[in-house]
PDB file of N, CA and C in Angstrom:
ATOM      1  N   UNK A   1     107.663 104.462 134.761  1.00  0.00           N
ATOM      2  CA  UNK A   1     108.033 105.661 134.282  1.00  0.00           C
ATOM      3  C   UNK A   1     106.573 105.819 133.471  1.00  0.00           C
ATOM      4  N   UNK A   2     105.706 106.803 133.588  1.00  0.00           N
ATOM      5  CA  UNK A   2     104.828 107.250 132.786  1.00  0.00           C
ATOM      6  C   UNK A   2     105.037 108.019 131.643  1.00  0.00           C
ATOM      7  N   UNK A   3     104.466 107.785 130.481  1.00  0.00           N
ATOM      8  CA  UNK A   3     104.312 108.659 129.678  1.00  0.00           C
ATOM      9  C   UNK A   3     103.969 110.301 129.718  1.00  0.00           C
ATOM     10  N   UNK A   4     104.503 111.089 129.533  1.00  0.00           N
ATOM     11  CA  UNK A   4     103.846 112.655 129.264  1.00  0.00           C
ATOM     12  C   UNK A   4     102.976 112.891 128.038  1.00  0.00           C
ATOM     13  N   UNK A   5     102.141 113.917 127.999  1.00  0.00           N
ATOM     14  CA  UNK A   5     101.375 113.961 126.823  1.00  0.00           C
ATOM     15  C   UNK A   5     101.867 113.890 125.644  1.00  0.00           C
ATOM     16  N   UNK A   6     102.937 114.929 125.606  1.00  0.00           N
ATOM     17  CA  UNK A   6     103.676 115.024 124.270  1.00  0.00           C
ATOM     18  C   UNK A   6     104.283 113.704 123.539  1.00  0.00           C
ATOM     19  N   UNK A   7     104.417 112.886 124.687  1.00  0.00           N
ATOM     20  CA  UNK A   7     105.166 111.625 124.241  1.00  0.00           C
ATOM     21  C   UNK A   7     104.320 110.509 123.065  1.00  0.00           C
ATOM     22  N   UNK A   8     103.078 110.918 123.409  1.00  0.00           N
ATOM     23  CA  UNK A   8     101.936 110.416 122.427  1.00  0.00           C
ATOM     24  C   UNK A   8     102.256 110.584 120.741  1.00  0.00           C
ATOM     25  N   UNK A   9     102.433 112.133 120.666  1.00  0.00           N
ATOM     26  CA  UNK A   9     103.016 112.319 119.590  1.00  0.00           C
ATOM     27  C   UNK A   9     104.296 111.618 119.048  1.00  0.00           C
ATOM     28  N   UNK A  10     105.012 111.534 119.743  1.00  0.00           N
ATOM     29  CA  UNK A  10     106.346 110.476 119.176  1.00  0.00           C
ATOM     30  C   UNK A  10     105.717 108.744 118.857  1.00  0.00           C
ATOM     31  N   UNK A  11     104.890 108.489 119.464  1.00  0.00           N
ATOM     32  CA  UNK A  11     104.185 107.257 119.240  1.00  0.00           C
ATOM     33  C   UNK A  11     103.748 107.057 117.998  1.00  0.00           C
ATOM     34  N   UNK A  12     102.907 108.205 117.735  1.00  0.00           N
ATOM     35  CA  UNK A  12     102.157 108.363 116.657  1.00  0.00           C
ATOM     36  C   UNK A  12     103.265 108.459 115.310  1.00  0.00           C
ATOM     37  N   UNK A  13     104.410 109.041 115.339  1.00  0.00           N
ATOM     38  CA  UNK A  13     105.374 109.119 114.355  1.00  0.00           C
ATOM     39  C   UNK A  13     106.094 107.880 114.389  1.00  0.00           C
ATOM     40  N   UNK A  14     106.267 106.972 115.406  1.00  0.00           N
ATOM     41  CA  UNK A  14     106.595 105.795 115.040  1.00  0.00           C
ATOM     42  C   UNK A  14     105.800 104.803 114.490  1.00  0.00           C
ATOM     43  N   UNK A  15     104.457 105.104 114.415  1.00  0.00           N
ATOM     44  CA  UNK A  15     103.568 104.090 113.490  1.00  0.00           C
ATOM     45  C   UNK A  15     103.813 104.404 111.883  1.00  0.00           C
ATOM     46  N   UNK A  16     104.535 105.576 111.611  1.00  0.00           N
ATOM     47  CA  UNK A  16     104.729 105.741 110.165  1.00  0.00           C
ATOM     48  C   UNK A  16     106.370 105.142 109.930  1.00  0.00           C
ATOM     49  N   UNK A  17     107.441 105.428 110.922  1.00  0.00           N
ATOM     50  CA  UNK A  17     108.308 104.842 110.215  1.00  0.00           C
ATOM     51  C   UNK A  17     109.315 104.598 111.671  1.00  0.00           C
ATOM     52  N   UNK A  18     110.238 104.130 111.762  1.00  0.00           N
ATOM     53  CA  UNK A  18     111.117 103.784 113.132  1.00  0.00           C
ATOM     54  C   UNK A  18     112.046 105.185 113.274  1.00  0.00           C
ATOM     55  N   UNK A  19     112.503 105.561 114.176  1.00  0.00           N
ATOM     56  CA  UNK A  19     113.530 106.649 114.394  1.00  0.00           C
ATOM     57  C   UNK A  19     114.842 105.817 114.352  1.00  0.00           C
ATOM     58  N   UNK A  20     115.848 106.918 114.058  1.00  0.00           N
ATOM     59  CA  UNK A  20     117.272 106.282 113.792  1.00  0.00           C
ATOM     60  C   UNK A  20     118.098 106.768 114.568  1.00  0.00           C
ATOM     61  N   UNK A  21     119.076 106.092 114.812  1.00  0.00           N
ATOM     62  CA  UNK A  21     120.163 106.538 115.920  1.00  0.00           C
ATOM     63  C   UNK A  21     120.966 107.734 114.791  1.00  0.00           C
ATOM     64  N   UNK A  22     121.510 109.172 115.839  1.00  0.00           N
ATOM     65  CA  UNK A  22     122.302 109.574 115.096  1.00  0.00           C
ATOM     66  C   UNK A  22     123.687 109.540 115.605  1.00  0.00           C
ATOM     67  N   UNK A  23     124.446 109.513 114.700  1.00  0.00           N
ATOM     68  CA  UNK A  23     125.819 109.671 115.033  1.00  0.00           C
ATOM     69  C   UNK A  23     126.507 110.153 115.991  1.00  0.00           C
ATOM     70  N   UNK A  24     126.161 111.598 116.153  1.00  0.00           N
ATOM     71  CA  UNK A  24     126.793 112.159 117.721  1.00  0.00           C
ATOM     72  C   UNK A  24     125.602 111.908 118.612  1.00  0.00           C
ATOM     73  N   UNK A  25     124.922 110.935 118.726  1.00  0.00           N
ATOM     74  CA  UNK A  25     124.174 111.052 119.993  1.00  0.00           C
ATOM     75  C   UNK A  25     122.557 111.356 119.694  1.00  0.00           C
ATOM     76  N   UNK A  26     121.555 110.857 120.426  1.00  0.00           N
ATOM     77  CA  UNK A  26     120.148 111.241 120.337  1.00  0.00           C
ATOM     78  C   UNK A  26     119.402 110.439 118.775  1.00  0.00           C
ATOM     79  N   UNK A  27     118.387 110.546 118.654  1.00  0.00           N
ATOM     80  CA  UNK A  27     117.435 109.961 117.592  1.00  0.00           C
ATOM     81  C   UNK A  27     116.990 111.241 116.598  1.00  0.00           C
ATOM     82  N   UNK A  28     116.470 110.404 115.294  1.00  0.00           N
ATOM     83  CA  UNK A  28     116.090 111.355 114.716  1.00  0.00           C
ATOM     84  C   UNK A  28     114.798 110.409 113.945  1.00  0.00           C
ATOM     85  N   UNK A  29     113.858 111.574 113.539  1.00  0.00           N
ATOM     86  CA  UNK A  29     112.835 111.176 112.800  1.00  0.00           C
ATOM     87  C   UNK A  29     112.664 112.055 111.616  1.00  0.00           C
ATOM     88  N   UNK A  30     113.329 111.506 110.102  1.00  0.00           N
ATOM     89  CA  UNK A  30     113.465 112.681 109.303  1.00  0.00           C
ATOM     90  C   UNK A  30     114.686 113.688 109.558  1.00  0.00           C
ATOM     91  N   UNK A  31     114.461 114.803 109.373  1.00  0.00           N
ATOM     92  CA  UNK A  31     115.064 115.849 110.129  1.00  0.00           C
ATOM     93  C   UNK A  31     114.496 116.173 111.299  1.00  0.00           C
ATOM     94  N   UNK A  32     113.718 115.746 111.904  1.00  0.00           N
ATOM     95  CA  UNK A  32     113.289 116.087 113.568  1.00  0.00           C
ATOM     96  C   UNK A  32     114.334 115.235 114.502  1.00  0.00           C
ATOM     97  N   UNK A  33     115.127 116.124 115.423  1.00  0.00           N
ATOM     98  CA  UNK A  33     115.781 115.348 116.319  1.00  0.00           C
ATOM     99  C   UNK A  33     114.769 115.054 117.704  1.00  0.00           C
ATOM    100  N   UNK A  34     114.865 113.441 118.014  1.00  0.00           N
ATOM    101  CA  UNK A  34     114.279 113.251 119.330  1.00  0.00           C
ATOM    102  C   UNK A  34     115.555 112.979 120.030  1.00  0.00           C
ATOM    103  N   UNK A  35     114.956 113.430 121.525  1.00  0.00           N
ATOM    104  CA  UNK A  35     116.063 113.289 122.636  1.00  0.00           C
ATOM    105  C   UNK A  35     115.947 112.193 123.282  1.00  0.00           C
ATOM    106  N   UNK A  36     117.073 111.714 123.711  1.00  0.00           N
ATOM    107  CA  UNK A  36     117.174 110.333 124.451  1.00  0.00           C
ATOM    108  C   UNK A  36     116.353 110.075 125.995  1.00  0.00           C
ATOM    109  N   UNK A  37     116.222 111.452 126.282  1.00  0.00           N
ATOM    110  CA  UNK A  37     115.269 111.017 127.422  1.00  0.00           C
ATOM    111  C   UNK A  37     113.692 110.914 127.002  1.00  0.00           C
ATOM    112  N   UNK A  38     113.124 111.167 125.690  1.00  0.00           N
ATOM    113  CA  UNK A  38     111.683 110.644 125.254  1.00  0.00           C
ATOM    114  C   UNK A  38     111.909 109.158 124.912  1.00  0.00           C
ATOM    115  N   UNK A  39     112.934 108.897 124.112  1.00  0.00           N
ATOM    116  CA  UNK A  39     113.121 107.348 123.588  1.00  0.00           C
ATOM    117  C   UNK A  39     113.193 106.471 124.917  1.00  0.00           C
ATOM    118  N   UNK A  40     113.860 107.064 126.164  1.00  0.00           N
ATOM    119  CA  UNK A  40     114.274 106.455 127.232  1.00  0.00           C
ATOM    120  C   UNK A  40     112.552 105.927 127.960  1.00  0.00           C
ATOM    121  N   UNK A  41     112.144 107.232 128.148  1.00  0.00           N
ATOM    122  CA  UNK A  41     110.361 107.170 128.465  1.00  0.00           C
ATOM    123  C   UNK A  41     109.732 105.850 127.695  1.00  0.00           C
ATOM    124  N   UNK A  42     110.120 106.029 126.096  1.00  0.00           N
ATOM    125  CA  UNK A  42     108.931 104.913 125.024  1.00  0.00           C
ATOM    126  C   UNK A  42     109.342 103.618 125.370  1.00  0.00           C
ATOM    127  N   UNK A  43     110.672 103.355 125.915  1.00  0.00           N
ATOM    128  CA  UNK A  43     111.325 102.349 126.209  1.00  0.00           C
ATOM    129  C   UNK A  43     110.652 101.601 127.383  1.00  0.00           C
ATOM    130  N   UNK A  44     110.575 102.436 128.513  1.00  0.00           N
ATOM    131  CA  UNK A  44     110.117 101.905 129.936  1.00  0.00           C
ATOM    132  C   UNK A  44     108.998 102.029 130.040  1.00  0.00           C
ATOM    133  N   UNK A  45     107.790 102.550 129.051  1.00  0.00           N
ATOM    134  CA  UNK A  45     106.715 102.071 129.002  1.00  0.00           C
ATOM    135  C   UNK A  45     106.209 100.990 128.523  1.00  0.00           C
ATOM    136  N   UNK A  46     107.265 100.145 127.807  1.00  0.00           N
ATOM    137  CA  UNK A  46     107.047  99.103 127.012  1.00  0.00           C
ATOM    138  C   UNK A  46     106.198  99.139 125.703  1.00  0.00           C
ATOM    139  N   UNK A  47     106.387 100.386 125.190  1.00  0.00           N
ATOM    140  CA  UNK A  47     105.486 100.706 123.735  1.00  0.00           C
ATOM    141  C   UNK A  47     106.654 100.583 122.400  1.00  0.00           C
ATOM    142  N   UNK A  48     107.820 100.568 123.082  1.00  0.00           N
ATOM    143  CA  UNK A  48     108.874 100.970 122.155  1.00  0.00           C
ATOM    144  C   UNK A  48     110.157  99.943 122.408  1.00  0.00           C
ATOM    145  N   UNK A  49     111.033  99.615 121.042  1.00  0.00           N
ATOM    146  CA  UNK A  49     112.094  99.066 121.284  1.00  0.00           C
ATOM    147  C   UNK A  49     113.071  98.966 120.567  1.00  0.00           C
ATOM    148  N   UNK A  50     114.240  99.125 120.683  1.00  0.00           N
ATOM    149  CA  UNK A  50     115.496  99.322 119.713  1.00  0.00           C
ATOM    150  C   UNK A  50     115.846  97.874 119.408  1.00  0.00           C
ATOM    151  N   UNK A  51     115.911  98.000 117.750  1.00  0.00           N
ATOM    152  CA  UNK A  51     116.291  96.876 116.985  1.00  0.00           C
ATOM    153  C   UNK A  51     117.227  97.523 116.369  1.00  0.00           C
ATOM    154  N   UNK A  52     118.417  97.045 116.322  1.00  0.00           N
ATOM    155  CA  UNK A  52     119.609  97.261 115.883  1.00  0.00           C
ATOM    156  C   UNK A  52     119.785  98.990 115.991  1.00  0.00           C
ATOM    157  N   UNK A  53     120.031  99.677 115.386  1.00  0.00           N
ATOM    158  CA  UNK A  53     120.274 101.175 115.253  1.00  0.00           C
ATOM    159  C   UNK A  53     118.805 101.973 114.696  1.00  0.00           C
ATOM    160  N   UNK A  54     117.948 101.496 115.355  1.00  0.00           N
ATOM    161  CA  UNK A  54     116.313 102.193 115.080  1.00  0.00           C
ATOM    162  C   UNK A  54     115.582 101.570 116.219  1.00  0.00           C
ATOM    163  N   UNK A  55     114.676 102.709 116.570  1.00  0.00           N
ATOM    164  CA  UNK A  55     113.493 102.608 117.680  1.00  0.00           C
ATOM    165  C   UNK A  55     112.137 102.471 116.576  1.00  0.00           C
ATOM    166  N   UNK A  56     111.908 101.352 117.102  1.00  0.00           N
ATOM    167  CA  UNK A  56     110.358 101.129 116.433  1.00  0.00           C
ATOM    168  C   UNK A  56     109.367 100.829 117.533  1.00  0.00           C
ATOM    169  N   UNK A  57     108.328 100.638 117.297  1.00  0.00           N
ATOM    170  CA  UNK A  57     107.125 100.165 118.254  1.00  0.00           C
ATOM    171  C   UNK A  57     107.309  98.652 118.546  1.00  0.00           C
ATOM    172  N   UNK A  58     106.856  98.150 119.915  1.00  0.00           N
ATOM    173  CA  UNK A  58     106.858  97.015 120.371  1.00  0.00           C
ATOM    174  C   UNK A  58     105.818  96.213 119.497  1.00  0.00           C
ATOM    175  N   UNK A  59     106.540  95.035 118.608  1.00  0.00           N
ATOM    176  CA  UNK A  59     105.588  94.125 118.403  1.00  0.00           C
ATOM    177  C   UNK A  59     104.546  93.570 119.398  1.00  0.00           C
ATOM    178  N   UNK A  60     103.221  93.188 119.168  1.00  0.00           N
ATOM    179  CA  UNK A  60     102.303  92.757 119.859  1.00  0.00           C
ATOM    180  C   UNK A  60     102.601  91.356 119.993  1.00  0.00           C
ATOM    181  N   UNK A  61     102.753  90.460 120.902  1.00  0.00           N
ATOM    182  CA  UNK A  61     102.822  89.082 120.962  1.00  0.00           C
ATOM    183  C   UNK A  61     101.822  88.297 121.832  1.00  0.00           C
TER     184      UNK A  61
END
């Protein structure tokens, strides 16, 4: 699955802070809602991972 141009903006947001899972579904960064489809693409690209209830950049190993 390839990233779309606007997904890079979400990756930049992840550099500042992880996304938190919303109680009613989806994700959020502060007050901004992030769709599950975007999170799925970031995970499929191998650049992000879910740890607990947060989505964060995948650590380089």
